[in-house]
Amino acid sequence: MTSSHGDGDGAQAHYDRLAPSYDDNWAYHPDYIAWMTGRILDRAAIQPGQVVADIGCGTGLYSRGLTAAASRVICADPSQAMLDQLPGDPALIPVRASAQDIAERRIALPGDRPDAIVIKEAIHHVPASGRQAVLHGLAGLLPPGGRILVVMLPARIGYPLFTAALERFERLQPDPAEIAAMLSSAGLETGVTCDSYRLTVRKDRYLEMVRSRYMSLLSSFTDAELEQGINEIQERHPGDHLEFADRFAFVRGIRA
């Protein structure tokens, strides 16, 4: 439930603003974090001693758990405010860079080529026109047997958002099948699997998250539009809690 939309400076400004309170949104869901971390470790086939690049890592919410297997996790994000929230673990190596910076070799990752590259709910921040070139560039960093794992929401979601936000999400969200085709065209052996996690959230807490624009998608709505949307959520979802399935596509490419 962390997906958001926005490109370039707008997205970076959003995350700079959100950074100090970003992890607070997940203090209520430690089981979810453990579940997702396990899925990433499994699908990226991360083995003890390997090096992982977590591109678009944010505060390192999942990078931290990847050190359970990986010897080093390169934590790349264009927001310095987000990177500043990383814990002081020597296994976590911060790099201020976007996916485009890395793919185009404007900023080099430290050390040898990573055994695995993870992009969790960040591929939509790459403009559609440059998405294939970025994925090809990242694929070129992989050694033989290296993996790239793109974790993303499907084109339609079941979040308890207001109608205008859901419709805008669907217009902006890339299709996992398109991402898989791009990785295939980069010469990787590609597959898509899906999984879901049942979330229960206090409604008042979720409305606070919406009001604070926890998704950068919500930054495209005015304050008045957001309040109208919150009223719609309250009317459509009576009761104190919201329950919904958080569904994900895991797009994996392997270098032969």
Foldseek 3Di string as FASTA:
>chain_A
DQAFADADPLVLVLLLVCQVCLCVLCPVPPVVLVVVLVVCCVVQVAAAAFEEEEAQCFLVSNVVVNVVGYQAYEYEEQHVSRPVNHDPDPRYHYDNDHLVCDLVVVDDDPDAQGLEYEYENCLLRPPPVCSLSSLLSNVVSHDAFGKYKYKHAALAFDDLWFDVLRVVSNVRDDHLVVVLVSLVVSVWDKDKDKDKDKDKAFLVSVLVCLQSCSHSSSVVDDNVRSVVRNVVSCVVDPDGMDIDIGMIMMMMTGHD
